[in-house]
């Protein structure tokens, strides 16, 4: 992997559950993973190719990429030139009050259906908020105002898209996701998950992979990685995180963490805490 791959994570000073990633990639490829946050970004140069929601996508300069919480995806540069982009990670609990104020029904279930789209108003709000986080010069009210304006534009955009009713099968699969999230420290047996989903084993495996983009085991590992990320951000020593999450050793944790965040857990923690 080239040294030209650079990933810079920055915490927001004015918004507790918002983080910015500025990335430049040439030959790095993300493994399939999902975030607990909304991942909302803008491609600045190059092209990002990725698979999510059952389809391949290409994001060109100026286009917006959105991964809802739990959307499994990968990602890599689709051209010989470097791919650069800015991505905001916004936790659902940070966004919920803004969505509620905008009269969104069930804010905790709000989703943007399009993984890639073009909208100048949304793009403007993403880049302005990203710039504010990078410069670290804004007041709390500036951060909150910009996040509200971004929420407003996302709701406006989504309101123009057709809605699809949630099926009984989706509700049951969401239950199994909740089960895996609640028991991330102890792997849940496939039989127990099948009982939660009220499905036979092989039918459940097929439906879960089609719905999340990952097998139940991959999904469980992904949850553990993100619990580890949260612990690293809060200052828990790396080796303590390894022990608490039940990884075999630090190298095992490194192998799982780096394909998702572009760096080792120790590098990630040093970068976050230094800022």
Protein backbone atom coordinates (compact mmCIF):
# COMPACT_ATOMS: atom_id res chain seq x y z
CA UNK A 1 0.00 0.00 0.00
CA UNK A 2 1.36 3.42 -0.99
CA UNK A 3 2.44 6.08 1.52
CA UNK A 4 0.27 8.46 -0.51
CA UNK A 5 -2.83 7.12 1.23
CA UNK A 6 -3.68 9.62 3.96
CA UNK A 7 -6.55 9.59 6.44
CA UNK A 8 -7.05 12.44 8.91
CA UNK A 9 -9.79 12.14 11.53
CA UNK A 10 -10.90 15.26 13.43
CA UNK A 11 -13.32 15.53 16.33
CA UNK A 12 -15.78 18.41 16.23
CA UNK A 13 -15.23 20.90 19.03
CA UNK A 14 -18.79 22.17 18.90
CA UNK A 15 -20.70 18.91 18.35
CA UNK A 16 -19.91 15.97 20.61
CA UNK A 17 -21.00 13.19 18.25
CA UNK A 18 -19.72 14.51 14.93
CA UNK A 19 -16.36 13.63 13.39
CA UNK A 20 -14.67 14.63 10.12
CA UNK A 21 -12.51 12.42 7.90
CA UNK A 22 -10.35 14.00 5.20
CA UNK A 23 -9.04 11.22 2.98
CA UNK A 24 -6.71 10.86 0.01
CA UNK A 25 -6.44 7.38 -1.54
CA UNK A 26 -4.50 5.87 -4.43
CA UNK A 27 -4.25 2.11 -3.88
CA UNK A 28 -6.09 1.60 -0.58
CA UNK A 29 -9.34 -0.38 -0.56
CA UNK A 30 -11.79 -0.49 2.34
CA UNK A 31 -13.02 -3.92 3.33
CA UNK A 32 -16.77 -4.39 3.67
CA UNK A 33 -17.93 -2.70 6.87
CA UNK A 34 -20.67 -0.49 8.28
CA UNK A 35 -20.77 2.49 10.64
CA UNK A 36 -23.11 3.24 13.51
CA UNK A 37 -23.20 6.85 12.38
CA UNK A 38 -24.57 8.55 9.29
CA UNK A 39 -21.59 8.88 6.92
CA UNK A 40 -22.23 11.89 4.70
CA UNK A 41 -19.51 13.20 2.42
CA UNK A 42 -18.46 14.86 -0.80
CA UNK A 43 -16.04 13.50 -3.40
CA UNK A 44 -13.52 16.28 -4.12
CA UNK A 45 -11.33 14.71 -6.81
CA UNK A 46 -10.95 11.36 -8.53
CA UNK A 47 -13.75 8.82 -8.32
CA UNK A 48 -14.85 6.54 -5.50
CA UNK A 49 -16.22 3.14 -6.47
CA UNK A 50 -18.16 1.15 -3.89
CA UNK A 51 -20.83 -1.46 -3.37
CA UNK A 52 -23.74 -0.90 -1.01
CA UNK A 53 -27.47 -1.56 -0.78
CA UNK A 54 -27.19 -4.34 -3.36
CA UNK A 55 -25.63 -2.27 -6.14
CA UNK A 56 -22.34 -0.81 -7.40
CA UNK A 57 -21.95 2.97 -7.28
CA UNK A 58 -19.52 5.57 -8.59
CA UNK A 59 -19.14 8.97 -6.92
CA UNK A 60 -17.61 11.70 -9.10
CA UNK A 61 -16.24 15.10 -7.97
CA UNK A 62 -18.96 17.22 -6.43
CA UNK A 63 -21.28 14.30 -5.77
CA UNK A 64 -22.56 13.36 -2.34
CA UNK A 65 -22.09 9.93 -0.76
CA UNK A 66 -24.38 8.75 2.04
CA UNK A 67 -24.17 5.60 4.13
CA UNK A 68 -26.95 5.30 6.67
CA UNK A 69 -26.18 3.66 10.03
CA UNK A 70 -25.69 -0.03 9.36
CA UNK A 71 -25.27 0.26 5.56
CA UNK A 72 -22.54 -2.23 4.65
CA UNK A 73 -20.13 -0.87 2.04
CA UNK A 74 -16.59 -1.08 0.70
CA UNK A 75 -14.73 1.57 -1.28
CA UNK A 76 -11.69 2.29 -3.44
CA UNK A 77 -10.35 4.75 -5.97
CA UNK A 78 -11.90 4.12 -9.37
CA UNK A 79 -9.25 5.96 -11.37
CA UNK A 80 -5.46 6.21 -11.66
CA UNK A 81 -5.54 9.66 -10.06
CA UNK A 82 -5.85 10.12 -6.31
CA UNK A 83 -9.31 10.01 -4.78
CA UNK A 84 -9.92 12.75 -2.21
CA UNK A 85 -13.05 13.30 -0.20
CA UNK A 86 -14.42 14.79 3.03
CA UNK A 87 -16.77 12.68 5.13
CA UNK A 88 -18.83 13.66 8.17
CA UNK A 89 -19.74 10.96 10.68
CA UNK A 90 -22.85 12.02 12.58
CA UNK A 91 -24.24 9.80 15.32
CA UNK A 92 -28.02 9.25 15.14
CA UNK A 93 -28.48 10.65 18.66
CA UNK A 94 -26.82 13.89 17.52
CA UNK A 95 -29.10 14.19 14.50
CA UNK A 96 -32.37 13.08 16.14
CA UNK A 97 -33.27 16.43 17.84
CA UNK A 98 -32.80 18.30 14.57
CA UNK A 99 -34.93 15.79 12.67
CA UNK A 100 -37.59 15.97 15.36
CA UNK A 101 -37.66 19.77 15.06
CA UNK A 102 -38.15 19.30 11.31
CA UNK A 103 -41.25 17.14 11.98
CA UNK A 104 -39.62 13.91 10.80
CA UNK A 105 -41.70 10.93 11.89
CA UNK A 106 -39.56 8.41 13.86
CA UNK A 107 -36.25 10.35 13.61
CA UNK A 108 -34.31 7.28 14.76
CA UNK A 109 -35.38 5.50 11.56
CA UNK A 110 -34.55 8.32 9.14
CA UNK A 111 -32.69 7.13 6.05
CA UNK A 112 -31.40 8.66 2.84
CA UNK A 113 -32.25 6.17 0.12
CA UNK A 114 -29.71 7.29 -2.52
CA UNK A 115 -26.11 6.27 -1.86
CA UNK A 116 -24.86 8.80 -4.44
CA UNK A 117 -26.61 11.95 -5.61
CA UNK A 118 -26.00 15.54 -6.68
CA UNK A 119 -27.49 18.44 -4.75
CA UNK A 120 -25.70 21.77 -4.49
CA UNK A 121 -27.48 22.84 -1.30
CA UNK A 122 -26.57 19.61 0.53
CA UNK A 123 -23.01 19.76 -0.82
CA UNK A 124 -22.61 23.34 0.42
CA UNK A 125 -23.71 22.48 3.96
CA UNK A 126 -21.42 19.42 4.17
CA UNK A 127 -18.35 21.36 3.05
CA UNK A 128 -19.10 24.35 5.28
CA UNK A 129 -19.48 22.15 8.36
CA UNK A 130 -16.34 20.20 7.42
CA UNK A 131 -14.42 23.46 7.07
CA UNK A 132 -15.60 24.67 10.45
CA UNK A 133 -14.44 21.44 12.11
CA UNK A 134 -11.08 21.62 10.35
CA UNK A 135 -10.40 25.24 11.30
CA UNK A 136 -11.65 24.81 14.91
CA UNK A 137 -12.67 28.47 15.01
CA UNK A 138 -16.47 28.33 15.26
CA UNK A 139 -18.72 28.91 18.24
CA UNK A 140 -21.16 26.28 19.51
CA UNK A 141 -24.04 28.13 17.90
CA UNK A 142 -22.26 28.12 14.52
CA UNK A 143 -21.76 24.35 14.67
CA UNK A 144 -25.36 23.75 15.72
CA UNK A 145 -26.77 26.11 13.09
CA UNK A 146 -24.82 24.44 10.30
CA UNK A 147 -25.85 20.95 11.42
CA UNK A 148 -29.47 22.08 11.50
CA UNK A 149 -29.16 23.52 7.98
CA UNK A 150 -27.59 20.27 6.75
CA UNK A 151 -30.38 18.26 8.40
CA UNK A 152 -32.94 20.54 6.78
CA UNK A 153 -31.46 20.02 3.31
CA UNK A 154 -31.25 16.23 3.78
CA UNK A 155 -34.90 16.09 4.87
CA UNK A 156 -35.88 18.25 1.90
CA UNK A 157 -33.98 15.98 -0.47
CA UNK A 158 -35.37 12.76 1.00
CA UNK A 159 -38.94 14.09 1.04
CA UNK A 160 -38.80 14.17 -2.76
CA UNK A 161 -37.91 10.46 -2.96
CA UNK A 162 -40.50 7.63 -2.98
CA UNK A 163 -40.91 5.83 0.36
CA UNK A 164 -41.18 2.08 0.84
CA UNK A 165 -43.06 0.51 3.73
CA UNK A 166 -41.04 -1.66 6.10
CA UNK A 167 -41.94 -5.34 5.78
CA UNK A 168 -42.38 -7.88 8.56
CA UNK A 169 -39.16 -9.57 7.40
CA UNK A 170 -37.23 -6.29 7.76
CA UNK A 171 -38.57 -5.85 11.28
CA UNK A 172 -37.36 -9.32 12.26
CA UNK A 173 -33.95 -8.78 10.70
CA UNK A 174 -33.65 -5.47 12.57
CA UNK A 175 -34.28 -7.45 15.76
CA UNK A 176 -31.37 -9.76 14.99
CA UNK A 177 -29.13 -6.74 14.33
CA UNK A 178 -30.12 -5.33 17.74
CA UNK A 179 -29.31 -8.70 19.31
CA UNK A 180 -25.83 -8.73 17.79
CA UNK A 181 -25.21 -5.14 18.91
CA UNK A 182 -26.34 -5.88 22.47
CA UNK A 183 -24.11 -8.97 22.74
CA UNK A 184 -21.01 -7.77 20.92
CA UNK A 185 -18.70 -9.12 23.63
CA UNK A 186 -20.07 -12.66 23.38
CA UNK A 187 -20.84 -14.16 20.00
CA UNK A 188 -24.51 -15.11 19.67
CA UNK A 189 -25.14 -18.57 18.23
CA UNK A 190 -26.69 -18.88 14.80
CA UNK A 191 -29.50 -20.96 16.28
CA UNK A 192 -30.40 -18.16 18.70
CA UNK A 193 -30.42 -15.61 15.88
CA UNK A 194 -32.69 -17.86 13.81
CA UNK A 195 -35.12 -17.98 16.71
CA UNK A 196 -35.14 -14.19 16.96
CA UNK A 197 -35.74 -13.94 13.20
CA UNK A 198 -38.29 -16.77 13.17
CA UNK A 199 -36.52 -18.29 10.16
CA UNK A 200 -34.76 -21.52 9.28
CA UNK A 201 -30.95 -21.39 9.35
CA UNK A 202 -30.20 -21.17 5.65
CA UNK A 203 -33.13 -18.90 4.91
CA UNK A 204 -31.96 -16.58 7.67
CA UNK A 205 -28.36 -16.51 6.40
CA UNK A 206 -29.53 -15.63 2.89
CA UNK A 207 -31.96 -12.94 4.09
CA UNK A 208 -29.50 -11.39 6.55
CA UNK A 209 -26.73 -11.14 3.94
CA UNK A 210 -29.13 -9.66 1.39
CA UNK A 211 -30.44 -7.13 3.94
CA UNK A 212 -27.17 -5.99 5.58
CA UNK A 213 -24.52 -6.85 2.99
CA UNK A 214 -22.71 -8.97 5.59
CA UNK A 215 -23.05 -12.38 7.18
CA UNK A 216 -24.15 -12.38 10.85
CA UNK A 217 -20.55 -13.13 11.90
CA UNK A 218 -19.17 -10.28 9.79
CA UNK A 219 -21.81 -7.95 11.21
CA UNK A 220 -20.89 -8.97 14.77
CA UNK A 221 -17.18 -8.34 14.08
CA UNK A 222 -18.05 -4.96 12.62
CA UNK A 223 -19.94 -4.00 15.78
CA UNK A 224 -16.93 -4.99 17.89
CA UNK A 225 -14.57 -2.90 15.76
CA UNK A 226 -16.78 0.16 16.22
CA UNK A 227 -17.08 -0.40 19.96
CA UNK A 228 -13.29 -0.47 19.93
CA UNK A 229 -13.19 2.77 17.96
CA UNK A 230 -15.42 4.45 20.55
CA UNK A 231 -13.18 3.24 23.38
CA UNK A 232 -10.06 4.52 21.60
CA UNK A 233 -11.67 7.94 21.12
CA UNK A 234 -12.43 8.11 24.84
CA UNK A 235 -8.78 7.40 25.71
CA UNK A 236 -8.93 3.75 26.78
CA UNK A 237 -5.43 2.23 26.27
CA UNK A 238 -5.15 0.12 23.13
CA UNK A 239 -4.20 -3.08 24.94
CA UNK A 240 -7.16 -2.65 27.31
CA UNK A 241 -9.46 -2.35 24.29
CA UNK A 242 -8.00 -5.56 22.87
CA UNK A 243 -8.68 -7.36 26.15
CA UNK A 244 -12.18 -5.95 26.67
CA UNK A 245 -13.29 -6.85 23.15
CA UNK A 246 -11.85 -10.35 23.32
CA UNK A 247 -9.43 -10.16 20.39
CA UNK A 248 -6.64 -12.73 20.49
CA UNK A 249 -3.91 -10.10 20.57
CA UNK A 250 -3.00 -6.65 19.24
CA UNK A 251 -2.07 -7.95 15.79
CA UNK A 252 -5.53 -9.54 15.49
CA UNK A 253 -7.16 -6.20 16.38
CA UNK A 254 -4.85 -4.40 13.93
CA UNK A 255 -5.86 -6.74 11.09
CA UNK A 256 -9.55 -6.05 11.70
CA UNK A 257 -9.24 -2.31 12.35
CA UNK A 258 -6.92 -1.09 9.57
CA UNK A 259 -9.08 -2.15 6.57
CA UNK A 260 -11.94 -0.07 8.02
CA UNK A 261 -10.10 3.08 9.17
CA UNK A 262 -6.95 3.08 7.05
CA UNK A 263 -4.58 2.96 10.04
CA UNK A 264 -3.81 0.89 13.11
CA UNK A 265 -5.77 1.40 16.36
CA UNK A 266 -2.74 3.01 18.01
CA UNK A 267 -2.24 5.44 15.12
CA UNK A 268 -5.95 6.27 15.17
CA UNK A 269 -5.95 6.99 18.89
CA UNK A 270 -2.80 9.13 18.73
CA UNK A 271 -4.31 11.16 15.89
CA UNK A 272 -7.68 11.68 17.61
CA UNK A 273 -6.31 12.53 21.07
CA UNK A 274 -3.65 14.84 19.64
CA UNK A 275 -6.37 17.04 18.16
